[in-house]
Amino acid sequence: MSALQQHLLDIHRAARLSRPAPPPLPGRHDGAVLRALYRCVARRSGRGAGPSGGPHTTGRPAPPGSPGA
């Protein structure tokens, strides 16, 4: 029996016994969690765009005459 089949059986059993449903399957939100974690790490290291959508930094000094110089 797969994890999904077991989960569906647990939901059915809980409904028949008038009990709360079991929590959702593990891994359901893994993609969203990993994206949020990546954004957080990128912001802390200065490599990603901030919440305002600012430019990415490359770690190199700005060329002479540029606005960031």
PDB file of N, CA and C in Angstrom:
ATOM      1  N   MET A   1       0.852  -1.166   0.000  1.00  0.00           N
ATOM      2  CA  MET A   1       0.000   0.000   0.000  1.00  0.00           C
ATOM      3  C   MET A   1       0.904   1.237   0.000  1.00  0.00           C
ATOM      4  N   SER A   2       0.608   2.167  -0.875  1.00  0.00           N
ATOM      5  CA  SER A   2       1.417   3.385  -0.951  1.00  0.00           C
ATOM      6  C   SER A   2       1.006   4.358   0.151  1.00  0.00           C
ATOM      7  N   ALA A   3       1.807   5.380   0.331  1.00  0.00           N
ATOM      8  CA  ALA A   3       1.507   6.394   1.351  1.00  0.00           C
ATOM      9  C   ALA A   3       0.205   7.121   1.024  1.00  0.00           C
ATOM     10  N   LEU A   4      -0.029   7.363  -0.258  1.00  0.00           N
ATOM     11  CA  LEU A   4      -1.264   8.047  -0.659  1.00  0.00           C
ATOM     12  C   LEU A   4      -2.485   7.185  -0.344  1.00  0.00           C
ATOM     13  N   GLN A   5      -2.402   5.890  -0.653  1.00  0.00           N
ATOM     14  CA  GLN A   5      -3.518   4.996  -0.358  1.00  0.00           C
ATOM     15  C   GLN A   5      -3.786   4.925   1.145  1.00  0.00           C
ATOM     16  N   GLN A   6      -2.714   4.859   1.940  1.00  0.00           N
ATOM     17  CA  GLN A   6      -2.885   4.829   3.391  1.00  0.00           C
ATOM     18  C   GLN A   6      -3.524   6.122   3.886  1.00  0.00           C
ATOM     19  N   HIS A   7      -3.107   7.221   3.329  1.00  0.00           N
ATOM     20  CA  HIS A   7      -3.663   8.515   3.731  1.00  0.00           C
ATOM     21  C   HIS A   7      -5.164   8.582   3.399  1.00  0.00           C
ATOM     22  N   LEU A   8      -5.531   8.132   2.207  1.00  0.00           N
ATOM     23  CA  LEU A   8      -6.949   8.129   1.834  1.00  0.00           C
ATOM     24  C   LEU A   8      -7.763   7.216   2.745  1.00  0.00           C
ATOM     25  N   LEU A   9      -7.200   6.078   3.101  1.00  0.00           N
ATOM     26  CA  LEU A   9      -7.882   5.170   4.026  1.00  0.00           C
ATOM     27  C   LEU A   9      -8.055   5.830   5.396  1.00  0.00           C
ATOM     28  N   ASP A  10      -7.029   6.533   5.872  1.00  0.00           N
ATOM     29  CA  ASP A  10      -7.116   7.236   7.155  1.00  0.00           C
ATOM     30  C   ASP A  10      -8.187   8.326   7.121  1.00  0.00           C
ATOM     31  N   ILE A  11      -8.299   9.046   6.012  1.00  0.00           N
ATOM     32  CA  ILE A  11      -9.322  10.078   5.874  1.00  0.00           C
ATOM     33  C   ILE A  11     -10.715   9.449   5.906  1.00  0.00           C
ATOM     34  N   HIS A  12     -10.885   8.362   5.185  1.00  0.00           N
ATOM     35  CA  HIS A  12     -12.176   7.674   5.147  1.00  0.00           C
ATOM     36  C   HIS A  12     -12.547   7.151   6.539  1.00  0.00           C
ATOM     37  N   ARG A  13     -11.608   6.540   7.211  1.00  0.00           N
ATOM     38  CA  ARG A  13     -11.856   6.001   8.552  1.00  0.00           C
ATOM     39  C   ARG A  13     -12.217   7.123   9.528  1.00  0.00           C
ATOM     40  N   ALA A  14     -11.514   8.239   9.460  1.00  0.00           N
ATOM     41  CA  ALA A  14     -11.809   9.368  10.352  1.00  0.00           C
ATOM     42  C   ALA A  14     -13.203   9.921  10.086  1.00  0.00           C
ATOM     43  N   ALA A  15     -13.598   9.995   8.825  1.00  0.00           N
ATOM     44  CA  ALA A  15     -14.934  10.506   8.481  1.00  0.00           C
ATOM     45  C   ALA A  15     -16.018   9.577   9.012  1.00  0.00           C
ATOM     46  N   ARG A  16     -15.805   8.282   8.897  1.00  0.00           N
ATOM     47  CA  ARG A  16     -16.812   7.314   9.379  1.00  0.00           C
ATOM     48  C   ARG A  16     -16.942   7.348  10.899  1.00  0.00           C
ATOM     49  N   LEU A  17     -15.857   7.661  11.602  1.00  0.00           N
ATOM     50  CA  LEU A  17     -15.877   7.693  13.060  1.00  0.00           C
ATOM     51  C   LEU A  17     -16.126   9.101  13.610  1.00  0.00           C
ATOM     52  N   SER A  18     -16.438  10.041  12.725  1.00  0.00           N
ATOM     53  CA  SER A  18     -16.692  11.450  13.111  1.00  0.00           C
ATOM     54  C   SER A  18     -15.516  12.041  13.877  1.00  0.00           C
ATOM     55  N   ARG A  19     -14.346  11.787  13.385  1.00  0.00           N
ATOM     56  CA  ARG A  19     -13.122  12.338  13.983  1.00  0.00           C
ATOM     57  C   ARG A  19     -12.478  13.302  13.007  1.00  0.00           C
ATOM     58  N   PRO A  20     -11.595  14.171  13.496  1.00  0.00           N
ATOM     59  CA  PRO A  20     -10.916  15.098  12.569  1.00  0.00           C
ATOM     60  C   PRO A  20     -10.030  14.337  11.583  1.00  0.00           C
ATOM     61  N   ALA A  21      -9.900  14.905  10.418  1.00  0.00           N
ATOM     62  CA  ALA A  21      -9.074  14.289   9.366  1.00  0.00           C
ATOM     63  C   ALA A  21      -7.599  14.367   9.755  1.00  0.00           C
ATOM     64  N   PRO A  22      -6.790  13.426   9.300  1.00  0.00           N
ATOM     65  CA  PRO A  22      -5.349  13.485   9.577  1.00  0.00           C
ATOM     66  C   PRO A  22      -4.716  14.670   8.838  1.00  0.00           C
ATOM     67  N   PRO A  23      -3.525  15.064   9.268  1.00  0.00           N
ATOM     68  CA  PRO A  23      -2.860  16.184   8.584  1.00  0.00           C
ATOM     69  C   PRO A  23      -2.542  15.823   7.134  1.00  0.00           C
ATOM     70  N   PRO A  24      -2.322  16.831   6.279  1.00  0.00           N
ATOM     71  CA  PRO A  24      -2.010  16.561   4.871  1.00  0.00           C
ATOM     72  C   PRO A  24      -0.723  15.746   4.736  1.00  0.00           C
ATOM     73  N   LEU A  25      -0.570  15.153   3.574  1.00  0.00           N
ATOM     74  CA  LEU A  25       0.617  14.337   3.319  1.00  0.00           C
ATOM     75  C   LEU A  25       1.887  15.159   3.435  1.00  0.00           C
ATOM     76  N   PRO A  26       2.958  14.563   3.958  1.00  0.00           N
ATOM     77  CA  PRO A  26       4.237  15.274   3.984  1.00  0.00           C
ATOM     78  C   PRO A  26       4.709  15.554   2.561  1.00  0.00           C
ATOM     79  N   GLY A  27       5.380  16.657   2.387  1.00  0.00           N
ATOM     80  CA  GLY A  27       5.914  16.992   1.075  1.00  0.00           C
ATOM     81  C   GLY A  27       4.966  17.810   0.216  1.00  0.00           C
ATOM     82  N   ARG A  28       3.786  18.091   0.725  1.00  0.00           N
ATOM     83  CA  ARG A  28       2.793  18.801  -0.083  1.00  0.00           C
ATOM     84  C   ARG A  28       3.244  20.217  -0.441  1.00  0.00           C
ATOM     85  N   HIS A  29       3.953  20.868   0.476  1.00  0.00           N
ATOM     86  CA  HIS A  29       4.361  22.264   0.251  1.00  0.00           C
ATOM     87  C   HIS A  29       5.878  22.409   0.135  1.00  0.00           C
ATOM     88  N   ASP A  30       6.571  21.341  -0.204  1.00  0.00           N
ATOM     89  CA  ASP A  30       8.033  21.390  -0.262  1.00  0.00           C
ATOM     90  C   ASP A  30       8.545  22.439  -1.246  1.00  0.00           C
ATOM     91  N   GLY A  31       7.924  22.538  -2.415  1.00  0.00           N
ATOM     92  CA  GLY A  31       8.389  23.508  -3.418  1.00  0.00           C
ATOM     93  C   GLY A  31       8.305  24.931  -2.919  1.00  0.00           C
ATOM     94  N   ALA A  32       7.181  25.282  -2.296  1.00  0.00           N
ATOM     95  CA  ALA A  32       7.010  26.642  -1.779  1.00  0.00           C
ATOM     96  C   ALA A  32       7.991  26.928  -0.638  1.00  0.00           C
ATOM     97  N   VAL A  33       8.212  25.947   0.214  1.00  0.00           N
ATOM     98  CA  VAL A  33       9.144  26.123   1.329  1.00  0.00           C
ATOM     99  C   VAL A  33      10.562  26.323   0.807  1.00  0.00           C
ATOM    100  N   LEU A  34      10.972  25.527  -0.163  1.00  0.00           N
ATOM    101  CA  LEU A  34      12.316  25.673  -0.716  1.00  0.00           C
ATOM    102  C   LEU A  34      12.502  27.008  -1.422  1.00  0.00           C
ATOM    103  N   ARG A  35      11.482  27.477  -2.156  1.00  0.00           N
ATOM    104  CA  ARG A  35      11.583  28.793  -2.805  1.00  0.00           C
ATOM    105  C   ARG A  35      11.723  29.900  -1.764  1.00  0.00           C
ATOM    106  N   ALA A  36      10.931  29.847  -0.701  1.00  0.00           N
ATOM    107  CA  ALA A  36      11.008  30.871   0.347  1.00  0.00           C
ATOM    108  C   ALA A  36      12.371  30.840   1.035  1.00  0.00           C
ATOM    109  N   LEU A  37      12.879  29.644   1.300  1.00  0.00           N
ATOM    110  CA  LEU A  37      14.189  29.514   1.923  1.00  0.00           C
ATOM    111  C   LEU A  37      15.282  30.072   1.010  1.00  0.00           C
ATOM    112  N   TYR A  38      15.204  29.765  -0.283  1.00  0.00           N
ATOM    113  CA  TYR A  38      16.192  30.271  -1.234  1.00  0.00           C
ATOM    114  C   TYR A  38      16.171  31.803  -1.267  1.00  0.00           C
ATOM    115  N   ARG A  39      14.978  32.374  -1.304  1.00  0.00           N
ATOM    116  CA  ARG A  39      14.869  33.849  -1.333  1.00  0.00           C
ATOM    117  C   ARG A  39      15.456  34.458  -0.075  1.00  0.00           C
ATOM    118  N   CYS A  40      15.199  33.845   1.077  1.00  0.00           N
ATOM    119  CA  CYS A  40      15.714  34.360   2.347  1.00  0.00           C
ATOM    120  C   CYS A  40      17.241  34.322   2.354  1.00  0.00           C
ATOM    121  N   VAL A  41      17.816  33.203   1.956  1.00  0.00           N
ATOM    122  CA  VAL A  41      19.273  33.067   1.929  1.00  0.00           C
ATOM    123  C   VAL A  41      19.874  34.035   0.911  1.00  0.00           C
ATOM    124  N   ALA A  42      19.235  34.182  -0.235  1.00  0.00           N
ATOM    125  CA  ALA A  42      19.746  35.088  -1.263  1.00  0.00           C
ATOM    126  C   ALA A  42      19.744  36.534  -0.777  1.00  0.00           C
ATOM    127  N   ARG A  43      18.689  36.927  -0.076  1.00  0.00           N
ATOM    128  CA  ARG A  43      18.624  38.298   0.452  1.00  0.00           C
ATOM    129  C   ARG A  43      19.697  38.523   1.491  1.00  0.00           C
ATOM    130  N   ARG A  44      19.909  37.546   2.371  1.00  0.00           N
ATOM    131  CA  ARG A  44      20.911  37.709   3.422  1.00  0.00           C
ATOM    132  C   ARG A  44      22.318  37.793   2.858  1.00  0.00           C
ATOM    133  N   SER A  45      22.597  37.059   1.790  1.00  0.00           N
ATOM    134  CA  SER A  45      23.939  37.078   1.221  1.00  0.00           C
ATOM    135  C   SER A  45      24.112  38.220   0.217  1.00  0.00           C
ATOM    136  N   GLY A  46      23.031  38.927  -0.091  1.00  0.00           N
ATOM    137  CA  GLY A  46      23.114  40.049  -1.025  1.00  0.00           C
ATOM    138  C   GLY A  46      23.126  39.616  -2.469  1.00  0.00           C
ATOM    139  N   ARG A  47      22.684  38.396  -2.769  1.00  0.00           N
ATOM    140  CA  ARG A  47      22.723  37.903  -4.144  1.00  0.00           C
ATOM    141  C   ARG A  47      21.385  37.981  -4.845  1.00  0.00           C
ATOM    142  N   GLY A  48      20.317  38.139  -4.128  1.00  0.00           N
ATOM    143  CA  GLY A  48      19.006  38.113  -4.755  1.00  0.00           C
ATOM    144  C   GLY A  48      18.327  39.451  -4.691  1.00  0.00           C
ATOM    145  N   ALA A  49      17.250  39.568  -5.439  1.00  0.00           N
ATOM    146  CA  ALA A  49      16.456  40.781  -5.404  1.00  0.00           C
ATOM    147  C   ALA A  49      15.709  40.835  -4.082  1.00  0.00           C
ATOM    148  N   GLY A  50      15.616  41.998  -3.518  1.00  0.00           N
ATOM    149  CA  GLY A  50      14.871  42.171  -2.283  1.00  0.00           C
ATOM    150  C   GLY A  50      13.389  42.185  -2.551  1.00  0.00           C
ATOM    151  N   PRO A  51      12.599  42.421  -1.512  1.00  0.00           N
ATOM    152  CA  PRO A  51      11.154  42.429  -1.693  1.00  0.00           C
ATOM    153  C   PRO A  51      10.683  43.507  -2.655  1.00  0.00           C
ATOM    154  N   SER A  52      11.490  44.561  -2.822  1.00  0.00           N
ATOM    155  CA  SER A  52      11.092  45.629  -3.732  1.00  0.00           C
ATOM    156  C   SER A  52      11.506  45.331  -5.170  1.00  0.00           C
ATOM    157  N   GLY A  53      12.173  44.203  -5.396  1.00  0.00           N
ATOM    158  CA  GLY A  53      12.577  43.847  -6.752  1.00  0.00           C
ATOM    159  C   GLY A  53      13.837  44.554  -7.198  1.00  0.00           C
ATOM    160  N   GLY A  54      14.716  44.888  -6.257  1.00  0.00           N
ATOM    161  CA  GLY A  54      15.952  45.586  -6.573  1.00  0.00           C
ATOM    162  C   GLY A  54      16.878  44.741  -7.428  1.00  0.00           C
ATOM    163  N   PRO A  55      17.964  45.339  -7.899  1.00  0.00           N
ATOM    164  CA  PRO A  55      18.874  44.614  -8.789  1.00  0.00           C
ATOM    165  C   PRO A  55      19.649  43.531  -8.044  1.00  0.00           C
ATOM    166  N   HIS A  56      20.064  42.530  -8.791  1.00  0.00           N
ATOM    167  CA  HIS A  56      20.925  41.496  -8.235  1.00  0.00           C
ATOM    168  C   HIS A  56      22.327  42.061  -8.155  1.00  0.00           C
ATOM    169  N   THR A  57      23.059  41.680  -7.117  1.00  0.00           N
ATOM    170  CA  THR A  57      24.439  42.125  -7.010  1.00  0.00           C
ATOM    171  C   THR A  57      25.344  40.986  -7.448  1.00  0.00           C
ATOM    172  N   THR A  58      26.496  41.324  -7.986  1.00  0.00           N
ATOM    173  CA  THR A  58      27.418  40.312  -8.478  1.00  0.00           C
ATOM    174  C   THR A  58      28.630  40.154  -7.594  1.00  0.00           C
ATOM    175  N   GLY A  59      28.792  41.008  -6.602  1.00  0.00           N
ATOM    176  CA  GLY A  59      29.958  40.941  -5.745  1.00  0.00           C
ATOM    177  C   GLY A  59      31.156  41.670  -6.316  1.00  0.00           C
ATOM    178  N   ARG A  60      31.010  42.243  -7.511  1.00  0.00           N
ATOM    179  CA  ARG A  60      32.095  43.002  -8.129  1.00  0.00           C
ATOM    180  C   ARG A  60      31.861  44.493  -7.881  1.00  0.00           C
ATOM    181  N   PRO A  61      32.936  45.277  -7.808  1.00  0.00           N
ATOM    182  CA  PRO A  61      32.756  46.728  -7.635  1.00  0.00           C
ATOM    183  C   PRO A  61      32.103  47.332  -8.873  1.00  0.00           C
ATOM    184  N   ALA A  62      31.372  48.417  -8.650  1.00  0.00           N
ATOM    185  CA  ALA A  62      30.708  49.103  -9.756  1.00  0.00           C
ATOM    186  C   ALA A  62      31.765  49.777 -10.641  1.00  0.00           C
ATOM    187  N   PRO A  63      31.533  49.812 -11.955  1.00  0.00           N
ATOM    188  CA  PRO A  63      32.491  50.478 -12.837  1.00  0.00           C
ATOM    189  C   PRO A  63      32.502  51.991 -12.565  1.00  0.00           C
ATOM    190  N   PRO A  64      33.634  52.625 -12.867  1.00  0.00           N
ATOM    191  CA  PRO A  64      33.722  54.078 -12.659  1.00  0.00           C
ATOM    192  C   PRO A  64      32.659  54.816 -13.463  1.00  0.00           C
ATOM    193  N   GLY A  65      32.066  55.809 -12.832  1.00  0.00           N
ATOM    194  CA  GLY A  65      31.072  56.625 -13.510  1.00  0.00           C
ATOM    195  C   GLY A  65      29.662  56.048 -13.433  1.00  0.00           C
ATOM    196  N   SER A  66      29.477  54.872 -12.863  1.00  0.00           N
ATOM    197  CA  SER A  66      28.138  54.320 -12.743  1.00  0.00           C
ATOM    198  C   SER A  66      27.474  54.886 -11.487  1.00  0.00           C
ATOM    199  N   PRO A  67      26.161  54.832 -11.401  1.00  0.00           N
ATOM    200  CA  PRO A  67      25.467  55.413 -10.257  1.00  0.00           C
ATOM    201  C   PRO A  67      25.862  54.775  -8.922  1.00  0.00           C
ATOM    202  N   GLY A  68      26.296  53.520  -8.921  1.00  0.00           N
ATOM    203  CA  GLY A  68      26.673  52.868  -7.669  1.00  0.00           C
ATOM    204  C   GLY A  68      28.109  53.104  -7.265  1.00  0.00           C
ATOM    205  N   ALA A  69      28.879  53.835  -8.052  1.00  0.00           N
ATOM    206  CA  ALA A  69      30.303  54.032  -7.771  1.00  0.00           C
ATOM    207  C   ALA A  69      30.531  55.111  -6.747  1.00  0.00           C
TER     208      ALA A  69
END
